């Protein structure tokens, strides 16, 4: 039986990724200890893992994750008010597949798309 999924995304610099996710996105570091080159973050019911990839070319990074949320307008405006840049092609909008979505890029160009079902 499958229970959860925790995406693993590449990062070039643990301190920069940690700072962005904690101070801009509101995640918490839940690592039981400081693992070299690895980061475990959580916000509400979402957990994301990051692994160090020091030579990552951000222009060739295709790391992506889709995060389902509730109250997407609140999430969106929390990020905007925290200075998180919204992806130019990922503005908050209702998609034809009845999801209200927006997207951001983290410091390593991992695409984080946030979506809420709209009925």
C-alpha atoms as a PDB file:
ATOM      1  CA  UNK A   1       0.000   0.000   0.000  1.00  0.00           C
ATOM      2  CA  UNK A   2       1.392   3.415  -1.002  1.00  0.00           C
ATOM      3  CA  UNK A   3       1.079   6.108   1.655  1.00  0.00           C
ATOM      4  CA  UNK A   4       3.106   9.200   0.780  1.00  0.00           C
ATOM      5  CA  UNK A   5       5.558  10.640  -1.685  1.00  0.00           C
ATOM      6  CA  UNK A   6       8.440  12.955  -0.824  1.00  0.00           C
ATOM      7  CA  UNK A   7      10.083  14.466  -3.888  1.00  0.00           C
ATOM      8  CA  UNK A   8      13.862  14.764  -3.952  1.00  0.00           C
ATOM      9  CA  UNK A   9      15.134  17.822  -5.783  1.00  0.00           C
ATOM     10  CA  UNK A  10      18.698  18.919  -6.555  1.00  0.00           C
ATOM     11  CA  UNK A  11      20.335  21.898  -4.846  1.00  0.00           C
ATOM     12  CA  UNK A  12      23.712  23.529  -5.364  1.00  0.00           C
ATOM     13  CA  UNK A  13      24.046  25.105  -1.941  1.00  0.00           C
ATOM     14  CA  UNK A  14      22.323  23.766   1.158  1.00  0.00           C
ATOM     15  CA  UNK A  15      22.424  27.081   3.054  1.00  0.00           C
ATOM     16  CA  UNK A  16      20.834  29.040   0.193  1.00  0.00           C
ATOM     17  CA  UNK A  17      18.108  26.431  -0.385  1.00  0.00           C
ATOM     18  CA  UNK A  18      17.398  26.151   3.330  1.00  0.00           C
ATOM     19  CA  UNK A  19      17.175  29.928   3.733  1.00  0.00           C
ATOM     20  CA  UNK A  20      14.826  30.309   0.745  1.00  0.00           C
ATOM     21  CA  UNK A  21      12.487  27.531   1.844  1.00  0.00           C
ATOM     22  CA  UNK A  22      12.391  28.556   5.505  1.00  0.00           C
ATOM     23  CA  UNK A  23      12.301  32.329   5.177  1.00  0.00           C
ATOM     24  CA  UNK A  24      10.396  32.771   1.903  1.00  0.00           C
ATOM     25  CA  UNK A  25       8.158  29.700   1.676  1.00  0.00           C
ATOM     26  CA  UNK A  26       7.590  29.028   5.387  1.00  0.00           C
ATOM     27  CA  UNK A  27       8.894  25.462   5.542  1.00  0.00           C
ATOM     28  CA  UNK A  28      10.552  23.968   8.624  1.00  0.00           C
ATOM     29  CA  UNK A  29      13.778  21.980   8.698  1.00  0.00           C
ATOM     30  CA  UNK A  30      12.802  18.596  10.126  1.00  0.00           C
ATOM     31  CA  UNK A  31      16.147  16.884   9.673  1.00  0.00           C
ATOM     32  CA  UNK A  32      16.810  14.814  12.778  1.00  0.00           C
ATOM     33  CA  UNK A  33      20.448  15.813  12.384  1.00  0.00           C
ATOM     34  CA  UNK A  34      22.540  17.832   9.968  1.00  0.00           C
ATOM     35  CA  UNK A  35      23.212  15.442   7.095  1.00  0.00           C
ATOM     36  CA  UNK A  36      25.991  16.600   4.800  1.00  0.00           C
ATOM     37  CA  UNK A  37      24.578  17.448   1.392  1.00  0.00           C
ATOM     38  CA  UNK A  38      20.974  16.595   2.306  1.00  0.00           C
ATOM     39  CA  UNK A  39      18.014  18.614   3.521  1.00  0.00           C
ATOM     40  CA  UNK A  40      14.542  17.565   4.705  1.00  0.00           C
ATOM     41  CA  UNK A  41      11.890  20.275   4.879  1.00  0.00           C
ATOM     42  CA  UNK A  42       8.207  20.233   5.777  1.00  0.00           C
ATOM     43  CA  UNK A  43       5.247  22.594   5.706  1.00  0.00           C
ATOM     44  CA  UNK A  44       1.833  21.397   6.807  1.00  0.00           C
ATOM     45  CA  UNK A  45       1.503  17.953   5.141  1.00  0.00           C
ATOM     46  CA  UNK A  46       4.125  18.549   2.423  1.00  0.00           C
ATOM     47  CA  UNK A  47       7.652  17.201   2.793  1.00  0.00           C
ATOM     48  CA  UNK A  48      10.405  17.922   0.273  1.00  0.00           C
ATOM     49  CA  UNK A  49      13.911  16.486   0.307  1.00  0.00           C
ATOM     50  CA  UNK A  50      16.892  18.153  -1.376  1.00  0.00           C
ATOM     51  CA  UNK A  51      20.183  16.510  -2.318  1.00  0.00           C
ATOM     52  CA  UNK A  52      23.394  18.354  -3.026  1.00  0.00           C
ATOM     53  CA  UNK A  53      24.462  18.648  -6.648  1.00  0.00           C
ATOM     54  CA  UNK A  54      27.230  21.264  -6.619  1.00  0.00           C
ATOM     55  CA  UNK A  55      27.785  21.190 -10.384  1.00  0.00           C
ATOM     56  CA  UNK A  56      24.097  21.517 -11.291  1.00  0.00           C
ATOM     57  CA  UNK A  57      23.554  23.693 -14.339  1.00  0.00           C
ATOM     58  CA  UNK A  58      20.331  25.503 -13.421  1.00  0.00           C
ATOM     59  CA  UNK A  59      19.539  26.139 -17.078  1.00  0.00           C
ATOM     60  CA  UNK A  60      19.423  22.366 -17.602  1.00  0.00           C
ATOM     61  CA  UNK A  61      17.576  21.507 -14.387  1.00  0.00           C
ATOM     62  CA  UNK A  62      14.210  19.884 -15.016  1.00  0.00           C
ATOM     63  CA  UNK A  63      13.376  19.277 -11.336  1.00  0.00           C
ATOM     64  CA  UNK A  64       9.639  19.776 -10.842  1.00  0.00           C
ATOM     65  CA  UNK A  65       7.013  19.049  -8.253  1.00  0.00           C
ATOM     66  CA  UNK A  66       3.261  19.720  -8.131  1.00  0.00           C
ATOM     67  CA  UNK A  67       1.948  20.607  -4.671  1.00  0.00           C
ATOM     68  CA  UNK A  68      -1.779  20.429  -3.964  1.00  0.00           C
ATOM     69  CA  UNK A  69      -2.946  23.110  -1.566  1.00  0.00           C
ATOM     70  CA  UNK A  70      -6.086  24.529  -0.026  1.00  0.00           C
ATOM     71  CA  UNK A  71      -6.789  28.266   0.000  1.00  0.00           C
ATOM     72  CA  UNK A  72      -4.477  28.849  -2.954  1.00  0.00           C
ATOM     73  CA  UNK A  73      -5.136  32.590  -2.966  1.00  0.00           C
ATOM     74  CA  UNK A  74      -3.793  32.816   0.595  1.00  0.00           C
ATOM     75  CA  UNK A  75      -0.726  30.735  -0.291  1.00  0.00           C
ATOM     76  CA  UNK A  76      -0.088  32.875  -3.359  1.00  0.00           C
ATOM     77  CA  UNK A  77      -0.331  36.194  -1.505  1.00  0.00           C
ATOM     78  CA  UNK A  78       1.809  34.902   1.394  1.00  0.00           C
ATOM     79  CA  UNK A  79       4.557  34.132  -1.118  1.00  0.00           C
ATOM     80  CA  UNK A  80       4.167  37.442  -2.953  1.00  0.00           C
ATOM     81  CA  UNK A  81       4.272  39.350   0.348  1.00  0.00           C
ATOM     82  CA  UNK A  82       7.435  37.427   1.288  1.00  0.00           C
ATOM     83  CA  UNK A  83       9.118  38.551  -1.928  1.00  0.00           C
ATOM     84  CA  UNK A  84       8.937  35.214  -3.736  1.00  0.00           C
ATOM     85  CA  UNK A  85       9.056  35.845  -7.503  1.00  0.00           C
ATOM     86  CA  UNK A  86       6.215  34.186  -9.389  1.00  0.00           C
ATOM     87  CA  UNK A  87       7.343  32.385 -12.543  1.00  0.00           C
ATOM     88  CA  UNK A  88       6.625  34.599 -15.605  1.00  0.00           C
ATOM     89  CA  UNK A  89       4.691  31.730 -17.214  1.00  0.00           C
ATOM     90  CA  UNK A  90       3.122  30.617 -13.936  1.00  0.00           C
ATOM     91  CA  UNK A  91       0.860  33.421 -12.808  1.00  0.00           C
ATOM     92  CA  UNK A  92      -2.104  32.544 -10.617  1.00  0.00           C
ATOM     93  CA  UNK A  93      -4.915  31.457 -12.915  1.00  0.00           C
ATOM     94  CA  UNK A  94      -7.635  28.907 -13.476  1.00  0.00           C
ATOM     95  CA  UNK A  95      -6.489  26.237 -15.911  1.00  0.00           C
ATOM     96  CA  UNK A  96      -8.747  24.355 -18.370  1.00  0.00           C
ATOM     97  CA  UNK A  97      -8.318  21.212 -16.241  1.00  0.00           C
ATOM     98  CA  UNK A  98     -10.137  23.016 -13.378  1.00  0.00           C
ATOM     99  CA  UNK A  99      -7.093  23.644 -11.226  1.00  0.00           C
ATOM    100  CA  UNK A 100      -6.219  27.111  -9.973  1.00  0.00           C
ATOM    101  CA  UNK A 101      -2.419  27.191 -10.151  1.00  0.00           C
ATOM    102  CA  UNK A 102       0.733  29.253  -9.927  1.00  0.00           C
ATOM    103  CA  UNK A 103       4.427  28.398 -10.164  1.00  0.00           C
ATOM    104  CA  UNK A 104       7.736  29.559  -8.744  1.00  0.00           C
ATOM    105  CA  UNK A 105      11.368  28.634  -9.253  1.00  0.00           C
ATOM    106  CA  UNK A 106      13.587  27.897  -6.280  1.00  0.00           C
ATOM    107  CA  UNK A 107      17.228  29.111  -6.274  1.00  0.00           C
ATOM    108  CA  UNK A 108      18.240  26.079  -8.370  1.00  0.00           C
ATOM    109  CA  UNK A 109      15.402  26.430 -10.895  1.00  0.00           C
ATOM    110  CA  UNK A 110      13.339  23.554  -9.550  1.00  0.00           C
ATOM    111  CA  UNK A 111       9.809  24.345 -10.706  1.00  0.00           C
ATOM    112  CA  UNK A 112       7.326  24.287  -7.825  1.00  0.00           C
ATOM    113  CA  UNK A 113       3.724  24.424  -9.031  1.00  0.00           C
ATOM    114  CA  UNK A 114       0.954  24.927  -6.494  1.00  0.00           C
ATOM    115  CA  UNK A 115      -2.597  23.933  -7.382  1.00  0.00           C
ATOM    116  CA  UNK A 116      -6.079  23.669  -5.952  1.00  0.00           C
ATOM    117  CA  UNK A 117      -9.055  21.907  -7.514  1.00  0.00           C
ATOM    118  CA  UNK A 118     -11.906  24.217  -8.427  1.00  0.00           C
ATOM    119  CA  UNK A 119     -15.403  22.849  -8.862  1.00  0.00           C
END
